[in-house]
Amino acid sequence: ACARRQERGVLAVVVRGSITTALDHILLVSAVVSIV
Protein backbone atom coordinates (compact mmCIF):
# COMPACT_ATOMS: atom_id res chain seq x y z
CA ALA A 1 0.00 0.00 0.00
CA CYS A 2 2.86 2.39 0.68
CA ALA A 3 4.63 1.63 -2.64
CA ARG A 4 4.22 3.94 -5.58
CA ARG A 5 1.96 2.90 -8.43
CA GLN A 6 4.91 2.24 -10.77
CA GLU A 7 6.64 0.00 -8.20
CA ARG A 8 3.62 -2.15 -7.33
CA GLY A 9 3.92 -4.41 -10.38
CA VAL A 10 7.61 -5.03 -9.77
CA LEU A 11 6.97 -5.56 -6.07
CA ALA A 12 4.22 -8.12 -6.81
CA VAL A 13 6.58 -10.10 -9.07
CA VAL A 14 9.32 -10.04 -6.43
CA VAL A 15 6.96 -11.18 -3.66
CA ARG A 16 5.55 -14.00 -5.80
CA GLY A 17 9.06 -15.09 -6.78
CA SER A 18 10.32 -15.06 -3.21
CA ILE A 19 7.37 -17.15 -1.99
CA THR A 20 7.93 -19.66 -4.80
CA THR A 21 11.65 -19.84 -4.07
CA ALA A 22 11.02 -20.36 -0.35
CA LEU A 23 8.54 -23.14 -1.06
CA ASP A 24 11.02 -24.79 -3.44
CA HIS A 25 13.68 -24.76 -0.73
CA ILE A 26 11.31 -26.21 1.86
CA LEU A 27 10.26 -29.02 -0.49
CA LEU A 28 13.86 -29.77 -1.45
CA VAL A 29 14.97 -30.01 2.18
CA SER A 30 12.01 -32.24 3.10
CA ALA A 31 12.71 -34.52 0.11
CA VAL A 32 16.36 -34.90 1.09
CA VAL A 33 15.44 -35.59 4.72
CA SER A 34 12.89 -38.25 3.74
CA ILE A 35 15.31 -39.99 1.36
CA VAL A 36 18.07 -40.02 3.98
All heavy atoms as atom14 arrays in JSON, in Angstrom:
{
  "sequence": "ACARRQERGVLAVVVRGSITTALDHILLVSAVVSIV",
  "atom14_mask": [
    [1, 1, 1, 1, 1, 0, 0, 0, 0, 0, 0, 0, 0, 0],
    [1, 1, 1, 1, 1, 1, 0, 0, 0, 0, 0, 0, 0, 0],
    [1, 1, 1, 1, 1, 0, 0, 0, 0, 0, 0, 0, 0, 0],
    [1, 1, 1, 1, 1, 1, 1, 1, 1, 1, 1, 0, 0, 0],
    [1, 1, 1, 1, 1, 1, 1, 1, 1, 1, 1, 0, 0, 0],
    [1, 1, 1, 1, 1, 1, 1, 1, 1, 0, 0, 0, 0, 0],
    [1, 1, 1, 1, 1, 1, 1, 1, 1, 0, 0, 0, 0, 0],
    [1, 1, 1, 1, 1, 1, 1, 1, 1, 1, 1, 0, 0, 0],
    [1, 1, 1, 1, 0, 0, 0, 0, 0, 0, 0, 0, 0, 0],
    [1, 1, 1, 1, 1, 1, 1, 0, 0, 0, 0, 0, 0, 0],
    [1, 1, 1, 1, 1, 1, 1, 1, 0, 0, 0, 0, 0, 0],
    [1, 1, 1, 1, 1, 0, 0, 0, 0, 0, 0, 0, 0, 0],
    [1, 1, 1, 1, 1, 1, 1, 0, 0, 0, 0, 0, 0, 0],
    [1, 1, 1, 1, 1, 1, 1, 0, 0, 0, 0, 0, 0, 0],
    [1, 1, 1, 1, 1, 1, 1, 0, 0, 0, 0, 0, 0, 0],
    [1, 1, 1, 1, 1, 1, 1, 1, 1, 1, 1, 0, 0, 0],
    [1, 1, 1, 1, 0, 0, 0, 0, 0, 0, 0, 0, 0, 0],
    [1, 1, 1, 1, 1, 1, 0, 0, 0, 0, 0, 0, 0, 0],
    [1, 1, 1, 1, 1, 1, 1, 1, 0, 0, 0, 0, 0, 0],
    [1, 1, 1, 1, 1, 1, 1, 0, 0, 0, 0, 0, 0, 0],
    [1, 1, 1, 1, 1, 1, 1, 0, 0, 0, 0, 0, 0, 0],
    [1, 1, 1, 1, 1, 0, 0, 0, 0, 0, 0, 0, 0, 0],
    [1, 1, 1, 1, 1, 1, 1, 1, 0, 0, 0, 0, 0, 0],
    [1, 1, 1, 1, 1, 1, 1, 1, 0, 0, 0, 0, 0, 0],
    [1, 1, 1, 1, 1, 1, 1, 1, 1, 1, 0, 0, 0, 0],
    [1, 1, 1, 1, 1, 1, 1, 1, 0, 0, 0, 0, 0, 0],
    [1, 1, 1, 1, 1, 1, 1, 1, 0, 0, 0, 0, 0, 0],
    [1, 1, 1, 1, 1, 1, 1, 1, 0, 0, 0, 0, 0, 0],
    [1, 1, 1, 1, 1, 1, 1, 0, 0, 0, 0, 0, 0, 0],
    [1, 1, 1, 1, 1, 1, 0, 0, 0, 0, 0, 0, 0, 0],
    [1, 1, 1, 1, 1, 0, 0, 0, 0, 0, 0, 0, 0, 0],
    [1, 1, 1, 1, 1, 1, 1, 0, 0, 0, 0, 0, 0, 0],
    [1, 1, 1, 1, 1, 1, 1, 0, 0, 0, 0, 0, 0, 0],
    [1, 1, 1, 1, 1, 1, 0, 0, 0, 0, 0, 0, 0, 0],
    [1, 1, 1, 1, 1, 1, 1, 1, 0, 0, 0, 0, 0, 0],
    [1, 1, 1, 1, 1, 1, 1, 0, 0, 0, 0, 0, 0, 0]
  ],
  "atom14_positions": [
    [[0.82, -1.21, 0.0], [0.0, 0.0, 0.0], [0.86, 1.26, 0.0], [0.46, 2.28, -0.55], [-0.93, -0.01, 1.2], [0.0, 0.0, 0.0], [0.0, 0.0, 0.0], [0.0, 0.0, 0.0], [0.0, 0.0, 0.0], [0.0, 0.0, 0.0], [0.0, 0.0, 0.0], [0.0, 0.0, 0.0], [0.0, 0.0, 0.0], [0.0, 0.0, 0.0]],
    [[2.03, 1.19, 0.62], [2.86, 2.39, 0.68], [3.79, 2.53, -0.53], [4.5, 3.51, -0.65], [3.66, 2.4, 1.98], [4.78, 1.02, 2.16], [0.0, 0.0, 0.0], [0.0, 0.0, 0.0], [0.0, 0.0, 0.0], [0.0, 0.0, 0.0], [0.0, 0.0, 0.0], [0.0, 0.0, 0.0], [0.0, 0.0, 0.0], [0.0, 0.0, 0.0]],
    [[3.79, 1.55, -1.43], [4.63, 1.63, -2.64], [3.95, 2.49, -3.69], [2.72, 2.58, -3.74], [4.88, 0.23, -3.19], [0.0, 0.0, 0.0], [0.0, 0.0, 0.0], [0.0, 0.0, 0.0], [0.0, 0.0, 0.0], [0.0, 0.0, 0.0], [0.0, 0.0, 0.0], [0.0, 0.0, 0.0], [0.0, 0.0, 0.0], [0.0, 0.0, 0.0]],
    [[4.77, 3.12, -4.5], [4.22, 3.94, -5.58], [3.59, 3.06, -6.65], [3.9, 1.87, -6.75], [5.32, 4.8, -6.19], [5.73, 5.92, -5.25], [6.76, 6.76, -5.92], [8.02, 6.0, -5.84], [9.2, 6.51, -6.1], [9.31, 7.76, -6.5], [10.28, 5.79, -6.0], [0.0, 0.0, 0.0], [0.0, 0.0, 0.0], [0.0, 0.0, 0.0]],
    [[2.71, 3.62, -7.41], [1.96, 2.9, -8.43], [2.89, 2.2, -9.42], [2.65, 1.07, -9.82], [1.01, 3.83, -9.16], [0.14, 3.14, -10.17], [-0.84, 4.09, -10.79], [-1.8, 4.59, -9.82], [-3.03, 4.1, -9.67], [-3.43, 3.12, -10.43], [-3.84, 4.57, -8.77], [0.0, 0.0, 0.0], [0.0, 0.0, 0.0], [0.0, 0.0, 0.0]],
    [[3.97, 2.82, -9.81], [4.91, 2.24, -10.77], [5.66, 1.06, -10.18], [6.08, 0.15, -10.88], [5.93, 3.29, -11.24], [5.34, 4.46, -11.98], [4.92, 5.59, -11.03], [5.17, 5.52, -9.84], [4.26, 6.59, -11.57], [0.0, 0.0, 0.0], [0.0, 0.0, 0.0], [0.0, 0.0, 0.0], [0.0, 0.0, 0.0], [0.0, 0.0, 0.0]],
    [[5.86, 1.05, -8.87], [6.64, 0.0, -8.2], [5.79, -1.21, -7.79], [6.33, -2.24, -7.45], [7.33, 0.59, -6.97], [8.34, 1.67, -7.3], [8.86, 2.35, -6.06], [8.28, 2.14, -4.97], [9.85, 3.07, -6.16], [0.0, 0.0, 0.0], [0.0, 0.0, 0.0], [0.0, 0.0, 0.0], [0.0, 0.0, 0.0], [0.0, 0.0, 0.0]],
    [[4.49, -1.07, -7.81], [3.62, -2.15, -7.33], [3.72, -3.4, -8.2], [3.73, -4.51, -7.7], [2.17, -1.7, -7.26], [1.93, -0.76, -6.12], [0.48, -0.41, -5.99], [0.32, 0.63, -4.97], [-0.77, 1.3, -4.77], [-1.84, 1.07, -5.52], [-0.84, 2.21, -3.83], [0.0, 0.0, 0.0], [0.0, 0.0, 0.0], [0.0, 0.0, 0.0]],
    [[3.8, -3.25, -9.5], [3.92, -4.41, -10.38], [5.22, -5.16, -10.16], [5.25, -6.4, -10.09], [0.0, 0.0, 0.0], [0.0, 0.0, 0.0], [0.0, 0.0, 0.0], [0.0, 0.0, 0.0], [0.0, 0.0, 0.0], [0.0, 0.0, 0.0], [0.0, 0.0, 0.0], [0.0, 0.0, 0.0], [0.0, 0.0, 0.0], [0.0, 0.0, 0.0]],
    [[6.31, -4.41, -10.02], [7.61, -5.03, -9.77], [7.61, -5.69, -8.39], [8.12, -6.8, -8.22], [8.74, -3.97, -9.87], [10.08, -4.57, -9.49], [8.78, -3.38, -11.26], [0.0, 0.0, 0.0], [0.0, 0.0, 0.0], [0.0, 0.0, 0.0], [0.0, 0.0, 0.0], [0.0, 0.0, 0.0], [0.0, 0.0, 0.0], [0.0, 0.0, 0.0]],
    [[7.03, -5.02, -7.42], [6.97, -5.56, -6.07], [6.15, -6.85, -6.02], [6.51, -7.81, -5.34], [6.38, -4.52, -5.12], [6.41, -4.84, -3.63], [7.84, -5.07, -3.16], [5.77, -3.74, -2.83], [0.0, 0.0, 0.0], [0.0, 0.0, 0.0], [0.0, 0.0, 0.0], [0.0, 0.0, 0.0], [0.0, 0.0, 0.0], [0.0, 0.0, 0.0]],
    [[5.05, -6.92, -6.77], [4.22, -8.12, -6.81], [4.99, -9.3, -7.41], [4.91, -10.43, -6.92], [2.96, -7.87, -7.61], [0.0, 0.0, 0.0], [0.0, 0.0, 0.0], [0.0, 0.0, 0.0], [0.0, 0.0, 0.0], [0.0, 0.0, 0.0], [0.0, 0.0, 0.0], [0.0, 0.0, 0.0], [0.0, 0.0, 0.0], [0.0, 0.0, 0.0]],
    [[5.78, -9.04, -8.45], [6.58, -10.1, -9.07], [7.66, -10.58, -8.11], [7.91, -11.79, -7.98], [7.21, -9.59, -10.4], [8.22, -10.59, -10.93], [6.13, -9.33, -11.41], [0.0, 0.0, 0.0], [0.0, 0.0, 0.0], [0.0, 0.0, 0.0], [0.0, 0.0, 0.0], [0.0, 0.0, 0.0], [0.0, 0.0, 0.0], [0.0, 0.0, 0.0]],
    [[8.27, -9.67, -7.38], [9.32, -10.04, -6.43], [8.74, -10.85, -5.28], [9.32, -11.86, -4.86], [10.04, -8.77, -5.9], [10.96, -9.1, -4.74], [10.82, -8.1, -7.02], [0.0, 0.0, 0.0], [0.0, 0.0, 0.0], [0.0, 0.0, 0.0], [0.0, 0.0, 0.0], [0.0, 0.0, 0.0], [0.0, 0.0, 0.0], [0.0, 0.0, 0.0]],
    [[7.59, -10.45, -4.77], [6.96, -11.18, -3.66], [6.57, -12.58, -4.11], [6.82, -13.57, -3.42], [5.74, -10.4, -3.13], [4.9, -11.27, -2.2], [6.18, -9.15, -2.41], [0.0, 0.0, 0.0], [0.0, 0.0, 0.0], [0.0, 0.0, 0.0], [0.0, 0.0, 0.0], [0.0, 0.0, 0.0], [0.0, 0.0, 0.0], [0.0, 0.0, 0.0]],
    [[5.95, -12.7, -5.29], [5.55, -14.0, -5.8], [6.78, -14.89, -6.03], [6.77, -16.07, -5.7], [4.77, -13.86, -7.09], [4.21, -15.18, -7.58], [3.35, -15.01, -8.82], [2.19, -14.19, -8.52], [1.76, -13.19, -9.3], [2.38, -12.89, -10.4], [0.69, -12.51, -8.96], [0.0, 0.0, 0.0], [0.0, 0.0, 0.0], [0.0, 0.0, 0.0]],
    [[7.83, -14.33, -6.55], [9.06, -15.09, -6.78], [9.71, -15.55, -5.5], [10.23, -16.67, -5.41], [0.0, 0.0, 0.0], [0.0, 0.0, 0.0], [0.0, 0.0, 0.0], [0.0, 0.0, 0.0], [0.0, 0.0, 0.0], [0.0, 0.0, 0.0], [0.0, 0.0, 0.0], [0.0, 0.0, 0.0], [0.0, 0.0, 0.0], [0.0, 0.0, 0.0]],
    [[9.7, -14.68, -4.48], [10.32, -15.06, -3.21], [9.53, -16.15, -2.51], [10.1, -17.06, -1.9], [10.48, -13.84, -2.31], [9.21, -13.33, -1.96], [0.0, 0.0, 0.0], [0.0, 0.0, 0.0], [0.0, 0.0, 0.0], [0.0, 0.0, 0.0], [0.0, 0.0, 0.0], [0.0, 0.0, 0.0], [0.0, 0.0, 0.0], [0.0, 0.0, 0.0]],
    [[8.2, -16.1, -2.59], [7.37, -17.15, -1.99], [7.61, -18.48, -2.71], [7.75, -19.53, -2.07], [5.88, -16.75, -2.02], [5.64, -15.61, -1.05], [4.99, -17.94, -1.68], [4.24, -15.03, -1.12], [0.0, 0.0, 0.0], [0.0, 0.0, 0.0], [0.0, 0.0, 0.0], [0.0, 0.0, 0.0], [0.0, 0.0, 0.0], [0.0, 0.0, 0.0]],
    [[7.69, -18.44, -4.03], [7.93, -19.66, -4.8], [9.3, -20.24, -4.5], [9.46, -21.45, -4.34], [7.81, -19.35, -6.31], [6.54, -18.78, -6.56], [7.97, -20.6, -7.13], [0.0, 0.0, 0.0], [0.0, 0.0, 0.0], [0.0, 0.0, 0.0], [0.0, 0.0, 0.0], [0.0, 0.0, 0.0], [0.0, 0.0, 0.0], [0.0, 0.0, 0.0]],
    [[10.3, -19.38, -4.38], [11.65, -19.84, -4.07], [11.71, -20.45, -2.67], [12.34, -21.49, -2.46], [12.65, -18.68, -4.18], [12.58, -18.14, -5.5], [14.06, -19.14, -3.91], [0.0, 0.0, 0.0], [0.0, 0.0, 0.0], [0.0, 0.0, 0.0], [0.0, 0.0, 0.0], [0.0, 0.0, 0.0], [0.0, 0.0, 0.0], [0.0, 0.0, 0.0]],
    [[11.04, -19.82, -1.71], [11.02, -20.36, -0.35], [10.34, -21.71, -0.31], [10.82, -22.65, 0.36], [10.32, -19.38, 0.59], [0.0, 0.0, 0.0], [0.0, 0.0, 0.0], [0.0, 0.0, 0.0], [0.0, 0.0, 0.0], [0.0, 0.0, 0.0], [0.0, 0.0, 0.0], [0.0, 0.0, 0.0], [0.0, 0.0, 0.0], [0.0, 0.0, 0.0]],
    [[9.23, -21.86, -1.03], [8.54, -23.14, -1.06], [9.4, -24.2, -1.73], [9.43, -25.36, -1.29], [7.2, -23.0, -1.79], [6.33, -24.24, -1.86], [5.96, -24.7, -0.46], [5.08, -23.97, -2.67], [0.0, 0.0, 0.0], [0.0, 0.0, 0.0], [0.0, 0.0, 0.0], [0.0, 0.0, 0.0], [0.0, 0.0, 0.0], [0.0, 0.0, 0.0]],
    [[10.11, -23.84, -2.79], [11.02, -24.79, -3.44], [12.1, -25.27, -2.48], [12.43, -26.46, -2.44], [11.68, -24.13, -4.67], [10.73, -23.99, -5.83], [9.67, -24.64, -5.81], [11.07, -23.22, -6.76], [0.0, 0.0, 0.0], [0.0, 0.0, 0.0], [0.0, 0.0, 0.0], [0.0, 0.0, 0.0], [0.0, 0.0, 0.0], [0.0, 0.0, 0.0]],
    [[12.65, -24.36, -1.69], [13.68, -24.76, -0.73], [13.12, -25.68, 0.35], [13.76, -26.67, 0.74], [14.32, -23.52, -0.09], [15.25, -22.79, -1.01], [15.0, -21.52, -1.43], [16.41, -23.16, -1.61], [15.96, -21.12, -2.24], [16.83, -22.11, -2.37], [0.0, 0.0, 0.0], [0.0, 0.0, 0.0], [0.0, 0.0, 0.0], [0.0, 0.0, 0.0]],
    [[11.93, -25.37, 0.83], [11.31, -26.21, 1.86], [11.05, -27.61, 1.32], [11.33, -28.62, 1.98], [10.0, -25.57, 2.36], [10.31, -24.32, 3.17], [9.19, -26.55, 3.2], [9.09, -23.49, 3.51], [0.0, 0.0, 0.0], [0.0, 0.0, 0.0], [0.0, 0.0, 0.0], [0.0, 0.0, 0.0], [0.0, 0.0, 0.0], [0.0, 0.0, 0.0]],
    [[10.53, -27.7, 0.1], [10.26, -29.02, -0.49], [11.54, -29.79, -0.77], [11.58, -31.01, -0.6], [9.43, -28.86, -1.77], [8.0, -28.35, -1.57], [7.34, -28.12, -2.91], [7.21, -29.32, -0.74], [0.0, 0.0, 0.0], [0.0, 0.0, 0.0], [0.0, 0.0, 0.0], [0.0, 0.0, 0.0], [0.0, 0.0, 0.0], [0.0, 0.0, 0.0]],
    [[12.58, -29.1, -1.19], [13.86, -29.77, -1.45], [14.46, -30.33, -0.17], [14.91, -31.47, -0.13], [14.83, -28.8, -2.12], [16.2, -29.36, -2.46], [16.07, -30.45, -3.52], [17.11, -28.25, -2.94], [0.0, 0.0, 0.0], [0.0, 0.0, 0.0], [0.0, 0.0, 0.0], [0.0, 0.0, 0.0], [0.0, 0.0, 0.0], [0.0, 0.0, 0.0]],
    [[14.43, -29.55, 0.89], [14.97, -30.01, 2.18], [14.15, -31.19, 2.7], [14.71, -32.19, 3.18], [15.0, -28.86, 3.2], [15.27, -29.37, 4.6], [16.05, -27.83, 2.8], [0.0, 0.0, 0.0], [0.0, 0.0, 0.0], [0.0, 0.0, 0.0], [0.0, 0.0, 0.0], [0.0, 0.0, 0.0], [0.0, 0.0, 0.0], [0.0, 0.0, 0.0]],
    [[12.83, -31.13, 2.6], [12.01, -32.24, 3.1], [12.22, -33.5, 2.26], [12.2, -34.62, 2.79], [10.54, -31.86, 3.13], [10.07, -31.61, 1.81], [0.0, 0.0, 0.0], [0.0, 0.0, 0.0], [0.0, 0.0, 0.0], [0.0, 0.0, 0.0], [0.0, 0.0, 0.0], [0.0, 0.0, 0.0], [0.0, 0.0, 0.0], [0.0, 0.0, 0.0]],
    [[12.44, -33.36, 0.95], [12.71, -34.52, 0.11], [14.04, -35.17, 0.48], [14.14, -36.4, 0.57], [12.7, -34.13, -1.36], [0.0, 0.0, 0.0], [0.0, 0.0, 0.0], [0.0, 0.0, 0.0], [0.0, 0.0, 0.0], [0.0, 0.0, 0.0], [0.0, 0.0, 0.0], [0.0, 0.0, 0.0], [0.0, 0.0, 0.0], [0.0, 0.0, 0.0]],
    [[15.05, -34.36, 0.71], [16.36, -34.9, 1.09], [16.27, -35.59, 2.44], [16.82, -36.69, 2.63], [17.42, -33.78, 1.09], [18.71, -34.24, 1.74], [17.68, -33.29, -0.33], [0.0, 0.0, 0.0], [0.0, 0.0, 0.0], [0.0, 0.0, 0.0], [0.0, 0.0, 0.0], [0.0, 0.0, 0.0], [0.0, 0.0, 0.0], [0.0, 0.0, 0.0]],
    [[15.57, -34.99, 3.39], [15.44, -35.59, 4.72], [14.7, -36.92, 4.63], [15.09, -37.91, 5.27], [14.72, -34.62, 5.69], [14.28, -35.32, 6.96], [15.63, -33.46, 6.03], [0.0, 0.0, 0.0], [0.0, 0.0, 0.0], [0.0, 0.0, 0.0], [0.0, 0.0, 0.0], [0.0, 0.0, 0.0], [0.0, 0.0, 0.0], [0.0, 0.0, 0.0]],
    [[13.64, -37.0, 3.84], [12.89, -38.25, 3.74], [13.69, -39.34, 3.04], [13.63, -40.51, 3.42], [11.56, -38.03, 3.03], [11.78, -37.65, 1.69], [0.0, 0.0, 0.0], [0.0, 0.0, 0.0], [0.0, 0.0, 0.0], [0.0, 0.0, 0.0], [0.0, 0.0, 0.0], [0.0, 0.0, 0.0], [0.0, 0.0, 0.0], [0.0, 0.0, 0.0]],
    [[14.48, -38.99, 2.03], [15.31, -39.99, 1.36], [16.39, -40.5, 2.3], [16.65, -41.71, 2.39], [15.91, -39.41, 0.07], [14.81, -39.23, -0.98], [17.02, -40.28, -0.48], [15.23, -38.48, -2.21], [0.0, 0.0, 0.0], [0.0, 0.0, 0.0], [0.0, 0.0, 0.0], [0.0, 0.0, 0.0], [0.0, 0.0, 0.0], [0.0, 0.0, 0.0]],
    [[17.04, -39.6, 3.03], [18.07, -40.02, 3.98], [17.47, -40.89, 5.07], [18.05, -41.91, 5.46], [18.79, -38.78, 4.57], [19.66, -39.15, 5.76], [19.62, -38.1, 3.5], [0.0, 0.0, 0.0], [0.0, 0.0, 0.0], [0.0, 0.0, 0.0], [0.0, 0.0, 0.0], [0.0, 0.0, 0.0], [0.0, 0.0, 0.0], [0.0, 0.0, 0.0]]
  ]
}
